[in-house]
Amino acid sequence: MIKLVEICELLNASNKSRQRYTLREIYVNPKHIVALRDEASFKQKLSEGVLPAELDERQQFTRVTLNKGQTGLEIIVIGAPNMIERKLLQGQQGDILFG
């Protein structure tokens, strides 16, 4: 398992016109990752101020596609695709079982 930081949309009933986001740590099985893509649209969201303030303006984002059986799940994580790829490769070196 590898740890990533996901960007999650907050649901705000009082102000639906303005999206807001939060960060959360997630653990992903590298064997379930199907694709990594640069997510440039989140650079725009960062400049608009809708992403958490603690993010650096130089930050990059990756859309990760996970295999979920017959469907896929897409998440946005912090980091450039090549950085996420390195984490995946490092995580597979040990193949440690947690149980």
N, C-alpha and C. Protein backbone atom coordinates (compact mmCIF):
# COMPACT_ATOMS: atom_id res chain seq x y z
N MET A 1 0.85 -1.18 0.00
CA MET A 1 0.00 0.00 0.00
C MET A 1 0.89 1.24 0.00
N ILE A 2 0.42 2.26 -0.70
CA ILE A 2 1.13 3.53 -0.70
C ILE A 2 0.19 4.63 -0.21
N LYS A 3 0.78 5.64 0.43
CA LYS A 3 -0.02 6.74 0.94
C LYS A 3 0.04 7.89 -0.05
N LEU A 4 -1.14 8.42 -0.39
CA LEU A 4 -1.27 9.58 -1.26
C LEU A 4 -2.15 10.61 -0.55
N VAL A 5 -2.13 11.84 -1.05
CA VAL A 5 -3.01 12.88 -0.51
C VAL A 5 -4.02 13.23 -1.59
N GLU A 6 -5.28 12.95 -1.29
CA GLU A 6 -6.39 13.17 -2.23
C GLU A 6 -7.01 14.55 -2.00
N ILE A 7 -7.47 15.15 -3.09
CA ILE A 7 -8.22 16.40 -3.01
C ILE A 7 -9.69 16.03 -3.16
N CYS A 8 -10.47 16.34 -2.12
CA CYS A 8 -11.90 15.98 -2.09
C CYS A 8 -12.75 17.24 -2.12
N GLU A 9 -13.83 17.16 -2.88
CA GLU A 9 -14.76 18.29 -2.94
C GLU A 9 -15.64 18.29 -1.70
N LEU A 10 -15.78 19.47 -1.10
CA LEU A 10 -16.67 19.64 0.05
C LEU A 10 -18.06 19.98 -0.47
N LEU A 11 -19.06 19.36 0.10
CA LEU A 11 -20.43 19.69 -0.25
C LEU A 11 -20.92 20.74 0.73
N ASN A 12 -21.23 21.91 0.20
CA ASN A 12 -21.66 23.03 1.03
C ASN A 12 -23.07 23.42 0.62
N ALA A 13 -24.04 23.07 1.44
CA ALA A 13 -25.44 23.31 1.10
C ALA A 13 -25.77 24.80 1.01
N SER A 14 -25.05 25.64 1.75
CA SER A 14 -25.38 27.06 1.77
C SER A 14 -24.86 27.81 0.55
N ASN A 15 -23.85 27.26 -0.13
CA ASN A 15 -23.26 27.98 -1.26
C ASN A 15 -22.88 26.97 -2.34
N LYS A 16 -23.84 26.53 -3.13
CA LYS A 16 -23.60 25.48 -4.13
C LYS A 16 -22.86 26.00 -5.36
N SER A 17 -22.83 27.31 -5.56
CA SER A 17 -22.20 27.84 -6.77
C SER A 17 -20.67 27.85 -6.68
N ARG A 18 -20.11 27.80 -5.49
CA ARG A 18 -18.66 27.88 -5.33
C ARG A 18 -18.15 26.57 -4.75
N GLN A 19 -17.36 25.86 -5.53
CA GLN A 19 -16.78 24.61 -5.05
C GLN A 19 -15.66 24.90 -4.06
N ARG A 20 -15.57 24.06 -3.05
CA ARG A 20 -14.48 24.13 -2.08
C ARG A 20 -13.93 22.72 -1.93
N TYR A 21 -12.66 22.63 -1.57
CA TYR A 21 -11.99 21.33 -1.49
C TYR A 21 -11.24 21.19 -0.18
N THR A 22 -11.00 19.95 0.20
CA THR A 22 -10.21 19.63 1.37
C THR A 22 -9.22 18.53 1.01
N LEU A 23 -8.27 18.28 1.89
CA LEU A 23 -7.27 17.24 1.66
C LEU A 23 -7.50 16.09 2.63
N ARG A 24 -7.19 14.88 2.17
CA ARG A 24 -7.21 13.73 3.09
C ARG A 24 -6.20 12.70 2.61
N GLU A 25 -5.60 12.03 3.57
CA GLU A 25 -4.65 10.96 3.25
C GLU A 25 -5.42 9.70 2.91
N ILE A 26 -4.95 9.01 1.88
CA ILE A 26 -5.56 7.74 1.50
C ILE A 26 -4.45 6.72 1.26
N TYR A 27 -4.80 5.45 1.38
CA TYR A 27 -3.87 4.36 1.11
C TYR A 27 -4.40 3.58 -0.08
N VAL A 28 -3.53 3.36 -1.07
CA VAL A 28 -3.94 2.75 -2.33
C VAL A 28 -3.07 1.52 -2.59
N ASN A 29 -3.71 0.47 -3.08
CA ASN A 29 -2.98 -0.71 -3.53
C ASN A 29 -2.43 -0.41 -4.92
N PRO A 30 -1.10 -0.37 -5.09
CA PRO A 30 -0.53 -0.04 -6.40
C PRO A 30 -0.96 -0.98 -7.51
N LYS A 31 -1.33 -2.19 -7.18
CA LYS A 31 -1.75 -3.17 -8.20
C LYS A 31 -3.11 -2.83 -8.80
N HIS A 32 -3.83 -1.91 -8.19
CA HIS A 32 -5.16 -1.54 -8.68
C HIS A 32 -5.14 -0.25 -9.50
N ILE A 33 -3.98 0.35 -9.66
CA ILE A 33 -3.89 1.59 -10.43
C ILE A 33 -3.77 1.26 -11.90
N VAL A 34 -4.68 1.84 -12.70
CA VAL A 34 -4.75 1.57 -14.13
C VAL A 34 -4.06 2.67 -14.93
N ALA A 35 -4.20 3.94 -14.51
CA ALA A 35 -3.65 5.05 -15.29
C ALA A 35 -3.34 6.23 -14.39
N LEU A 36 -2.34 7.03 -14.83
CA LEU A 36 -1.99 8.30 -14.20
C LEU A 36 -2.01 9.36 -15.28
N ARG A 37 -2.72 10.47 -15.02
CA ARG A 37 -2.77 11.56 -16.00
C ARG A 37 -2.58 12.90 -15.29
N ASP A 38 -1.88 13.80 -15.94
CA ASP A 38 -1.73 15.15 -15.42
C ASP A 38 -3.11 15.80 -15.34
N GLU A 39 -3.38 16.52 -14.26
CA GLU A 39 -4.68 17.17 -14.08
C GLU A 39 -4.46 18.68 -13.99
N ALA A 40 -4.27 19.30 -15.15
CA ALA A 40 -3.95 20.73 -15.23
C ALA A 40 -5.09 21.63 -14.77
N SER A 41 -6.33 21.17 -14.83
CA SER A 41 -7.46 22.02 -14.45
C SER A 41 -7.39 22.41 -12.97
N PHE A 42 -6.72 21.61 -12.16
CA PHE A 42 -6.63 21.94 -10.74
C PHE A 42 -5.63 23.06 -10.48
N LYS A 43 -4.72 23.32 -11.43
CA LYS A 43 -3.85 24.50 -11.32
C LYS A 43 -4.70 25.76 -11.36
N GLN A 44 -5.72 25.77 -12.22
CA GLN A 44 -6.64 26.90 -12.31
C GLN A 44 -7.42 27.06 -11.01
N LYS A 45 -7.90 25.94 -10.47
CA LYS A 45 -8.64 25.98 -9.20
C LYS A 45 -7.75 26.52 -8.08
N LEU A 46 -6.48 26.16 -8.12
CA LEU A 46 -5.54 26.64 -7.11
C LEU A 46 -5.39 28.16 -7.20
N SER A 47 -5.27 28.67 -8.41
CA SER A 47 -5.13 30.13 -8.59
C SER A 47 -6.42 30.87 -8.24
N GLU A 48 -7.57 30.20 -8.35
CA GLU A 48 -8.86 30.81 -8.00
C GLU A 48 -9.10 30.82 -6.49
N GLY A 49 -8.28 30.09 -5.73
CA GLY A 49 -8.42 30.08 -4.28
C GLY A 49 -9.45 29.11 -3.74
N VAL A 50 -9.90 28.14 -4.53
CA VAL A 50 -10.88 27.18 -4.02
C VAL A 50 -10.23 25.94 -3.41
N LEU A 51 -8.93 25.77 -3.64
CA LEU A 51 -8.21 24.66 -3.01
C LEU A 51 -7.66 25.13 -1.67
N PRO A 52 -7.33 24.20 -0.78
CA PRO A 52 -6.83 24.59 0.54
C PRO A 52 -5.63 25.54 0.45
N ALA A 53 -5.60 26.52 1.35
CA ALA A 53 -4.60 27.58 1.32
C ALA A 53 -3.18 27.07 1.56
N GLU A 54 -3.03 25.93 2.21
CA GLU A 54 -1.69 25.43 2.51
C GLU A 54 -0.95 24.86 1.30
N LEU A 55 -1.63 24.77 0.15
CA LEU A 55 -0.98 24.27 -1.05
C LEU A 55 -0.13 25.37 -1.70
N ASP A 56 1.06 24.99 -2.12
CA ASP A 56 1.98 25.90 -2.79
C ASP A 56 1.47 26.16 -4.21
N GLU A 57 1.66 27.37 -4.71
CA GLU A 57 1.17 27.72 -6.05
C GLU A 57 1.87 26.94 -7.16
N ARG A 58 3.01 26.33 -6.87
CA ARG A 58 3.74 25.53 -7.87
C ARG A 58 3.28 24.07 -7.89
N GLN A 59 2.34 23.73 -7.02
CA GLN A 59 1.90 22.34 -6.87
C GLN A 59 1.33 21.79 -8.18
N GLN A 60 1.56 20.49 -8.41
CA GLN A 60 0.98 19.80 -9.55
C GLN A 60 0.01 18.74 -9.05
N PHE A 61 -0.86 18.27 -9.96
CA PHE A 61 -1.91 17.33 -9.59
C PHE A 61 -1.99 16.20 -10.60
N THR A 62 -2.42 15.03 -10.12
CA THR A 62 -2.54 13.85 -10.97
C THR A 62 -3.91 13.22 -10.79
N ARG A 63 -4.51 12.84 -11.91
CA ARG A 63 -5.75 12.06 -11.88
C ARG A 63 -5.34 10.58 -11.91
N VAL A 64 -5.73 9.84 -10.88
CA VAL A 64 -5.40 8.43 -10.75
C VAL A 64 -6.66 7.61 -11.02
N THR A 65 -6.56 6.67 -11.96
CA THR A 65 -7.68 5.78 -12.26
C THR A 65 -7.41 4.44 -11.59
N LEU A 66 -8.36 4.02 -10.76
CA LEU A 66 -8.25 2.75 -10.02
C LEU A 66 -9.22 1.73 -10.59
N ASN A 67 -8.78 0.49 -10.66
CA ASN A 67 -9.63 -0.62 -11.08
C ASN A 67 -10.54 -0.97 -9.91
N LYS A 68 -11.83 -0.98 -10.16
CA LYS A 68 -12.82 -1.27 -9.11
C LYS A 68 -13.78 -2.34 -9.63
N GLY A 69 -13.23 -3.42 -10.16
CA GLY A 69 -14.07 -4.47 -10.73
C GLY A 69 -14.52 -4.07 -12.12
N GLN A 70 -15.82 -4.02 -12.34
CA GLN A 70 -16.35 -3.68 -13.66
C GLN A 70 -16.37 -2.18 -13.93
N THR A 71 -16.12 -1.39 -12.89
CA THR A 71 -16.08 0.06 -13.07
C THR A 71 -14.74 0.59 -12.59
N GLY A 72 -14.48 1.83 -12.88
CA GLY A 72 -13.26 2.47 -12.42
C GLY A 72 -13.59 3.58 -11.44
N LEU A 73 -12.61 3.98 -10.70
CA LEU A 73 -12.74 5.08 -9.76
C LEU A 73 -11.62 6.05 -10.06
N GLU A 74 -11.95 7.33 -10.21
CA GLU A 74 -10.93 8.34 -10.47
C GLU A 74 -10.82 9.26 -9.27
N ILE A 75 -9.59 9.53 -8.87
CA ILE A 75 -9.33 10.44 -7.77
C ILE A 75 -8.25 11.43 -8.22
N ILE A 76 -8.26 12.60 -7.60
CA ILE A 76 -7.23 13.61 -7.86
C ILE A 76 -6.32 13.63 -6.65
N VAL A 77 -5.01 13.49 -6.90
CA VAL A 77 -4.05 13.49 -5.81
C VAL A 77 -3.01 14.59 -6.04
N ILE A 78 -2.33 14.95 -4.97
CA ILE A 78 -1.29 15.96 -5.04
C ILE A 78 0.00 15.32 -5.52
N GLY A 79 0.63 15.95 -6.50
CA GLY A 79 1.90 15.49 -7.05
C GLY A 79 1.81 15.29 -8.55
N ALA A 80 2.94 15.47 -9.20
CA ALA A 80 3.02 15.27 -10.65
C ALA A 80 2.97 13.78 -10.96
N PRO A 81 2.49 13.40 -12.15
CA PRO A 81 2.40 11.98 -12.50
C PRO A 81 3.72 11.22 -12.33
N ASN A 82 4.86 11.84 -12.68
CA ASN A 82 6.13 11.12 -12.53
C ASN A 82 6.49 10.90 -11.06
N MET A 83 6.10 11.82 -10.18
CA MET A 83 6.33 11.63 -8.75
C MET A 83 5.46 10.50 -8.21
N ILE A 84 4.21 10.44 -8.64
CA ILE A 84 3.31 9.37 -8.20
C ILE A 84 3.83 8.03 -8.72
N GLU A 85 4.32 8.01 -9.95
CA GLU A 85 4.88 6.78 -10.51
C GLU A 85 6.06 6.28 -9.67
N ARG A 86 6.94 7.19 -9.25
CA ARG A 86 8.07 6.80 -8.40
C ARG A 86 7.60 6.18 -7.09
N LYS A 87 6.56 6.79 -6.48
CA LYS A 87 6.01 6.24 -5.24
C LYS A 87 5.47 4.83 -5.47
N LEU A 88 4.81 4.64 -6.61
CA LEU A 88 4.26 3.31 -6.94
C LEU A 88 5.38 2.29 -7.07
N LEU A 89 6.43 2.65 -7.77
CA LEU A 89 7.54 1.72 -7.96
C LEU A 89 8.25 1.41 -6.65
N GLN A 90 8.43 2.42 -5.79
CA GLN A 90 9.04 2.19 -4.49
C GLN A 90 8.17 1.30 -3.62
N GLY A 91 6.85 1.50 -3.70
CA GLY A 91 5.92 0.71 -2.90
C GLY A 91 5.88 -0.74 -3.32
N GLN A 92 6.19 -1.04 -4.57
CA GLN A 92 6.14 -2.42 -5.06
C GLN A 92 7.43 -3.17 -4.79
N GLN A 93 8.50 -2.49 -4.43
CA GLN A 93 9.77 -3.15 -4.20
C GLN A 93 9.71 -4.13 -3.04
N GLY A 94 9.02 -3.73 -1.96
CA GLY A 94 8.97 -4.59 -0.79
C GLY A 94 7.89 -5.63 -0.84
N ASP A 95 6.75 -5.32 -1.48
CA ASP A 95 5.58 -6.19 -1.49
C ASP A 95 5.28 -6.74 -0.09
N ILE A 96 5.20 -5.86 0.88
CA ILE A 96 4.93 -6.25 2.26
C ILE A 96 3.43 -6.50 2.41
N LEU A 97 3.10 -7.57 3.11
CA LEU A 97 1.70 -7.87 3.40
C LEU A 97 1.36 -7.32 4.79
N PHE A 98 0.30 -6.58 4.87
CA PHE A 98 -0.18 -6.07 6.16
C PHE A 98 -1.42 -6.86 6.55
N GLY A 99 -1.44 -7.37 7.77
CA GLY A 99 -2.61 -8.14 8.12
C GLY A 99 -2.78 -8.38 9.57
